[in-house]
C-alpha atoms as a PDB file:
ATOM      1  CA  MET A   1     121.926  93.632 109.713  1.00  0.00           C
ATOM      2  CA  LYS A   2     119.835  92.450 112.579  1.00  0.00           C
ATOM      3  CA  MET A   3     118.742  95.104 115.040  1.00  0.00           C
ATOM      4  CA  ASN A   4     117.244  94.626 118.454  1.00  0.00           C
ATOM      5  CA  GLN A   5     113.476  94.910 118.643  1.00  0.00           C
ATOM      6  CA  LYS A   6     112.191  98.303 119.749  1.00  0.00           C
ATOM      7  CA  ARG A   7     108.762  99.272 121.109  1.00  0.00           C
ATOM      8  CA  ILE A   8     107.264 102.655 120.264  1.00  0.00           C
ATOM      9  CA  LYS A   9     103.793 104.227 120.507  1.00  0.00           C
ATOM     10  CA  ASP A  10     101.833 105.741 117.649  1.00  0.00           C
ATOM     11  CA  LEU A  11      99.880 108.981 118.103  1.00  0.00           C
ATOM     12  CA  SER A  12      96.766 107.034 119.101  1.00  0.00           C
ATOM     13  CA  GLY A  13      98.708 105.279 121.894  1.00  0.00           C
ATOM     14  CA  ARG A  14      98.987 101.856 120.260  1.00  0.00           C
ATOM     15  CA  GLU A  15     102.172  99.889 120.759  1.00  0.00           C
ATOM     16  CA  VAL A  16     104.203  99.417 117.587  1.00  0.00           C
ATOM     17  CA  ILE A  17     107.087  96.948 117.357  1.00  0.00           C
ATOM     18  CA  LEU A  18     110.040  97.890 115.166  1.00  0.00           C
ATOM     19  CA  ARG A  19     112.325  94.991 114.239  1.00  0.00           C
ATOM     20  CA  SER A  20     114.437  93.511 111.493  1.00  0.00           C
ATOM     21  CA  ALA A  21     112.485  91.687 108.820  1.00  0.00           C
ATOM     22  CA  GLU A  22     113.190  87.962 108.776  1.00  0.00           C
ATOM     23  CA  PRO A  23     112.657  85.317 106.090  1.00  0.00           C
ATOM     24  CA  ALA A  24     109.419  84.283 107.838  1.00  0.00           C
ATOM     25  CA  ASP A  25     108.031  87.751 106.968  1.00  0.00           C
ATOM     26  CA  ALA A  26     108.412  87.167 103.211  1.00  0.00           C
ATOM     27  CA  GLU A  27     104.791  86.334 102.421  1.00  0.00           C
ATOM     28  CA  ALA A  28     103.476  89.376 104.322  1.00  0.00           C
ATOM     29  CA  LEU A  29     106.028  91.628 102.611  1.00  0.00           C
ATOM     30  CA  VAL A  30     105.131  90.460  99.099  1.00  0.00           C
ATOM     31  CA  ARG A  31     101.439  91.080  99.878  1.00  0.00           C
ATOM     32  CA  TYR A  32     102.338  94.486 101.360  1.00  0.00           C
ATOM     33  CA  LEU A  33     104.241  95.513  98.206  1.00  0.00           C
ATOM     34  CA  LYS A  34     101.240  94.729  96.030  1.00  0.00           C
ATOM     35  CA  ILE A  35      98.752  96.520  98.280  1.00  0.00           C
ATOM     36  CA  THR A  36     100.829  99.650  98.891  1.00  0.00           C
ATOM     37  CA  ALA A  37     101.546  99.910  95.147  1.00  0.00           C
ATOM     38  CA  SER A  38      97.785 100.073  94.595  1.00  0.00           C
ATOM     39  CA  GLU A  39      97.171 102.530  97.456  1.00  0.00           C
ATOM     40  CA  THR A  40      99.509 105.310  96.348  1.00  0.00           C
ATOM     41  CA  PRO A  41     100.802 106.860  93.121  1.00  0.00           C
ATOM     42  CA  TYR A  42     104.115 107.640  94.794  1.00  0.00           C
ATOM     43  CA  LEU A  43     105.778 104.208  94.530  1.00  0.00           C
ATOM     44  CA  ILE A  44     107.678 103.162  91.411  1.00  0.00           C
ATOM     45  CA  ARG A  45     105.736 100.047  90.422  1.00  0.00           C
ATOM     46  CA  GLU A  46     102.220  99.165  89.421  1.00  0.00           C
ATOM     47  CA  PRO A  47     100.791  96.304  91.532  1.00  0.00           C
ATOM     48  CA  GLU A  48     100.966  93.789  88.669  1.00  0.00           C
ATOM     49  CA  GLU A  49     104.659  94.590  88.157  1.00  0.00           C
ATOM     50  CA  ILE A  50     105.507  93.040  91.522  1.00  0.00           C
ATOM     51  CA  GLN A  51     106.516  89.603  90.330  1.00  0.00           C
ATOM     52  CA  MET A  52     108.805  88.430  93.124  1.00  0.00           C
ATOM     53  CA  THR A  53     108.124  85.078  94.651  1.00  0.00           C
ATOM     54  CA  VAL A  54     107.940  84.451  98.368  1.00  0.00           C
ATOM     55  CA  GLU A  55     111.139  82.409  98.025  1.00  0.00           C
ATOM     56  CA  ASN A  56     112.943  85.313  96.325  1.00  0.00           C
ATOM     57  CA  GLU A  57     111.778  87.628  99.107  1.00  0.00           C
ATOM     58  CA  ARG A  58     112.995  85.155 101.756  1.00  0.00           C
ATOM     59  CA  ASN A  59     116.435  85.141 100.124  1.00  0.00           C
ATOM     60  CA  PHE A  60     116.459  88.939  99.939  1.00  0.00           C
ATOM     61  CA  LEU A  61     115.536  89.239 103.627  1.00  0.00           C
ATOM     62  CA  GLN A  62     118.239  86.762 104.655  1.00  0.00           C
ATOM     63  CA  LYS A  63     120.785  88.694 102.585  1.00  0.00           C
ATOM     64  CA  ASN A  64     119.796  91.869 104.477  1.00  0.00           C
ATOM     65  CA  LEU A  65     120.175  90.108 107.828  1.00  0.00           C
ATOM     66  CA  ASP A  66     123.630  88.858 106.825  1.00  0.00           C
ATOM     67  CA  SER A  67     124.835  92.239 105.557  1.00  0.00           C
ATOM     68  CA  PRO A  68     126.496  94.671 107.981  1.00  0.00           C
ATOM     69  CA  LYS A  69     125.461  97.558 105.681  1.00  0.00           C
ATOM     70  CA  ALA A  70     121.765  96.871 104.978  1.00  0.00           C
ATOM     71  CA  LEU A  71     118.595  96.759 107.058  1.00  0.00           C
ATOM     72  CA  MET A  72     114.960  95.985 106.346  1.00  0.00           C
ATOM     73  CA  LEU A  73     113.079  97.432 109.306  1.00  0.00           C
ATOM     74  CA  ILE A  74     109.431  96.449 109.692  1.00  0.00           C
ATOM     75  CA  ALA A  75     106.718  97.794 111.939  1.00  0.00           C
ATOM     76  CA  THR A  76     103.957  95.647 113.405  1.00  0.00           C
ATOM     77  CA  ILE A  77     100.883  96.264 115.537  1.00  0.00           C
ATOM     78  CA  ASP A  78      99.503  93.215 117.341  1.00  0.00           C
ATOM     79  CA  GLY A  79     101.717  91.040 115.140  1.00  0.00           C
ATOM     80  CA  GLU A  80     100.317  92.522 111.908  1.00  0.00           C
ATOM     81  CA  HIS A  81     102.843  94.005 109.455  1.00  0.00           C
ATOM     82  CA  ILE A  82     101.989  97.669 108.833  1.00  0.00           C
ATOM     83  CA  GLY A  83     105.010  99.073 106.977  1.00  0.00           C
ATOM     84  CA  ASN A  84     108.715  98.963 106.429  1.00  0.00           C
ATOM     85  CA  CYS A  85     111.769 101.156 106.051  1.00  0.00           C
ATOM     86  CA  SER A  86     114.977 100.025 104.384  1.00  0.00           C
ATOM     87  CA  ILE A  87     118.608 101.063 104.380  1.00  0.00           C
ATOM     88  CA  ALA A  88     120.820  99.923 101.510  1.00  0.00           C
ATOM     89  CA  PRO A  89     124.223 100.925 100.199  1.00  0.00           C
ATOM     90  CA  VAL A  90     124.108 103.295  97.213  1.00  0.00           C
ATOM     91  CA  GLY A  91     126.691 101.119  95.461  1.00  0.00           C
ATOM     92  CA  ASN A  92     129.359  98.551  96.059  1.00  0.00           C
ATOM     93  CA  TYR A  93     132.265 100.913  95.447  1.00  0.00           C
ATOM     94  CA  GLN A  94     134.642 102.262  98.085  1.00  0.00           C
ATOM     95  CA  ARG A  95     133.973 105.811  96.935  1.00  0.00           C
ATOM     96  CA  TYR A  96     130.261 105.324  97.679  1.00  0.00           C
ATOM     97  CA  ALA A  97     130.738 103.506 100.986  1.00  0.00           C
ATOM     98  CA  HIS A  98     129.701 106.600 102.976  1.00  0.00           C
ATOM     99  CA  ARG A  99     126.272 106.814 101.264  1.00  0.00           C
ATOM    100  CA  CYS A 100     123.043 104.880 101.872  1.00  0.00           C
ATOM    101  CA  ASP A 101     119.602 104.891 100.304  1.00  0.00           C
ATOM    102  CA  LEU A 102     116.505 105.035 102.503  1.00  0.00           C
ATOM    103  CA  ALA A 103     113.021 103.987 101.471  1.00  0.00           C
ATOM    104  CA  ILE A 104     109.817 103.822 103.490  1.00  0.00           C
ATOM    105  CA  ALA A 105     106.180 102.954 102.963  1.00  0.00           C
ATOM    106  CA  LEU A 106     103.241 102.202 105.223  1.00  0.00           C
ATOM    107  CA  TYR A 107      99.790 100.877 104.547  1.00  0.00           C
ATOM    108  CA  ARG A 108      97.651 103.973 103.992  1.00  0.00           C
ATOM    109  CA  LYS A 109      95.561 103.443 107.138  1.00  0.00           C
ATOM    110  CA  TYR A 110      98.720 103.781 109.269  1.00  0.00           C
ATOM    111  CA  CYS A 111      99.925 107.037 107.710  1.00  0.00           C
ATOM    112  CA  GLY A 112      99.732 110.234 109.750  1.00  0.00           C
ATOM    113  CA  LEU A 113     100.118 108.464 113.107  1.00  0.00           C
ATOM    114  CA  GLY A 114     103.796 109.263 113.730  1.00  0.00           C
ATOM    115  CA  ILE A 115     104.915 105.735 112.872  1.00  0.00           C
ATOM    116  CA  GLY A 116     106.783 106.734 109.705  1.00  0.00           C
ATOM    117  CA  ARG A 117     108.692 109.462 111.536  1.00  0.00           C
ATOM    118  CA  GLN A 118     109.754 107.082 114.285  1.00  0.00           C
ATOM    119  CA  MET A 119     110.732 104.420 111.756  1.00  0.00           C
ATOM    120  CA  MET A 120     112.838 106.959 109.863  1.00  0.00           C
ATOM    121  CA  GLU A 121     114.491 108.146 113.075  1.00  0.00           C
ATOM    122  CA  GLU A 122     115.384 104.546 113.954  1.00  0.00           C
ATOM    123  CA  ALA A 123     116.620 103.834 110.421  1.00  0.00           C
ATOM    124  CA  LEU A 124     118.811 106.945 110.485  1.00  0.00           C
ATOM    125  CA  ALA A 125     120.261 105.920 113.873  1.00  0.00           C
ATOM    126  CA  GLN A 126     120.986 102.451 112.479  1.00  0.00           C
ATOM    127  CA  ALA A 127     122.560 103.962 109.342  1.00  0.00           C
ATOM    128  CA  THR A 128     124.861 106.038 111.536  1.00  0.00           C
ATOM    129  CA  ALA A 129     125.780 102.935 113.561  1.00  0.00           C
ATOM    130  CA  MET A 130     126.598 101.131 110.293  1.00  0.00           C
ATOM    131  CA  GLY A 131     129.124 103.862 109.499  1.00  0.00           C
ATOM    132  CA  TYR A 132     127.202 105.748 106.843  1.00  0.00           C
ATOM    133  CA  GLU A 133     127.804 109.494 106.675  1.00  0.00           C
ATOM    134  CA  GLN A 134     125.042 110.444 104.283  1.00  0.00           C
ATOM    135  CA  ALA A 135     121.466 109.224 103.782  1.00  0.00           C
ATOM    136  CA  GLU A 136     119.694 109.752 100.466  1.00  0.00           C
ATOM    137  CA  LEU A 137     116.189 109.232  99.141  1.00  0.00           C
ATOM    138  CA  GLU A 138     113.991 109.997  96.179  1.00  0.00           C
ATOM    139  CA  VAL A 139     110.470 111.354  96.617  1.00  0.00           C
ATOM    140  CA  ILE A 140     107.755 112.300  94.137  1.00  0.00           C
ATOM    141  CA  ALA A 141     107.441 116.089  94.084  1.00  0.00           C
ATOM    142  CA  GLU A 142     103.668 115.962  94.689  1.00  0.00           C
ATOM    143  CA  ASN A 143     104.085 113.895  97.883  1.00  0.00           C
ATOM    144  CA  GLU A 144     103.978 116.925 100.161  1.00  0.00           C
ATOM    145  CA  ALA A 145     103.407 114.988 103.395  1.00  0.00           C
ATOM    146  CA  ALA A 146     106.514 112.869 102.831  1.00  0.00           C
ATOM    147  CA  ILE A 147     108.618 115.872 101.821  1.00  0.00           C
ATOM    148  CA  HIS A 148     107.512 117.712 104.966  1.00  0.00           C
ATOM    149  CA  LEU A 149     108.488 114.693 107.098  1.00  0.00           C
ATOM    150  CA  TYR A 150     111.885 114.356 105.436  1.00  0.00           C
ATOM    151  CA  GLU A 151     112.618 118.063 105.867  1.00  0.00           C
ATOM    152  CA  ARG A 152     111.666 117.858 109.576  1.00  0.00           C
ATOM    153  CA  LEU A 153     114.168 114.998 109.867  1.00  0.00           C
ATOM    154  CA  GLY A 154     116.925 117.157 108.359  1.00  0.00           C
ATOM    155  CA  PHE A 155     116.843 116.154 104.688  1.00  0.00           C
ATOM    156  CA  HIS A 156     117.371 118.822 102.049  1.00  0.00           C
ATOM    157  CA  LYS A 157     116.431 118.874  98.367  1.00  0.00           C
ATOM    158  CA  TYR A 158     119.473 118.742  96.111  1.00  0.00           C
ATOM    159  CA  GLY A 159     117.976 118.103  92.721  1.00  0.00           C
ATOM    160  CA  THR A 160     114.889 117.463  90.631  1.00  0.00           C
ATOM    161  CA  PHE A 161     114.288 114.592  88.214  1.00  0.00           C
ATOM    162  CA  PRO A 162     111.830 116.015  85.656  1.00  0.00           C
ATOM    163  CA  ASP A 163     109.272 113.510  84.353  1.00  0.00           C
ATOM    164  CA  ASN A 164     110.666 110.843  86.692  1.00  0.00           C
ATOM    165  CA  MET A 165     107.547 108.667  86.355  1.00  0.00           C
ATOM    166  CA  LYS A 166     104.931 108.342  83.647  1.00  0.00           C
ATOM    167  CA  TYR A 167     101.494 107.126  84.682  1.00  0.00           C
ATOM    168  CA  ARG A 168      99.083 105.054  82.619  1.00  0.00           C
ATOM    169  CA  ASP A 169      97.003 108.143  81.849  1.00  0.00           C
ATOM    170  CA  GLY A 170     100.039 109.782  80.217  1.00  0.00           C
ATOM    171  CA  LYS A 171     100.744 112.238  83.038  1.00  0.00           C
ATOM    172  CA  TYR A 172     104.270 112.649  84.392  1.00  0.00           C
ATOM    173  CA  ALA A 173     105.558 113.212  87.921  1.00  0.00           C
ATOM    174  CA  ASP A 174     108.792 114.901  88.914  1.00  0.00           C
ATOM    175  CA  ALA A 175     110.868 113.614  91.807  1.00  0.00           C
ATOM    176  CA  TYR A 176     113.274 115.261  94.216  1.00  0.00           C
ATOM    177  CA  TRP A 177     116.585 113.817  95.307  1.00  0.00           C
ATOM    178  CA  MET A 178     116.992 114.554  99.033  1.00  0.00           C
ATOM    179  CA  MET A 179     119.989 114.030 101.293  1.00  0.00           C
ATOM    180  CA  LYS A 180     120.874 114.305 104.964  1.00  0.00           C
ATOM    181  CA  LYS A 181     124.344 114.341 106.497  1.00  0.00           C
ATOM    182  CA  LEU A 182     124.485 111.898 109.400  1.00  0.00           C
END
């Protein structure tokens, strides 16, 4: 889905542009995936596990633009990509058509500035416009800042995945499944 560009302000007063990701953003998004995977333990992949090519990412972004039920929302400051938030169907079955998955990540230096909250609010509004009735996400149980944000946005915890991830050092992390009725 392609959404109209939206201008917001972060907590420091900088202008942030929210818009649909386009195939021309592919290179920046592949770089972003690798960097954010190294900045936080809360994403599912190690940086070296991100093997997608720029061409694969271009195709993925075009598929999102062409789909009436998916959105890759990116945020930029002064033309620089700073994060993204995605909406995707939970599955391709009629019985799941009311449910969408949400995912969000920002470069670490842009966290805590209100950008993530505003991106999530926009994504939830777009999900509602797409006809979804329920938004779902998974979050690592130790990611207290994200959990706090999701709860402020109306998400509730509905389950725990014990030992959801196993880190290189042998430690495990639980995850919560959270949901919000739209």
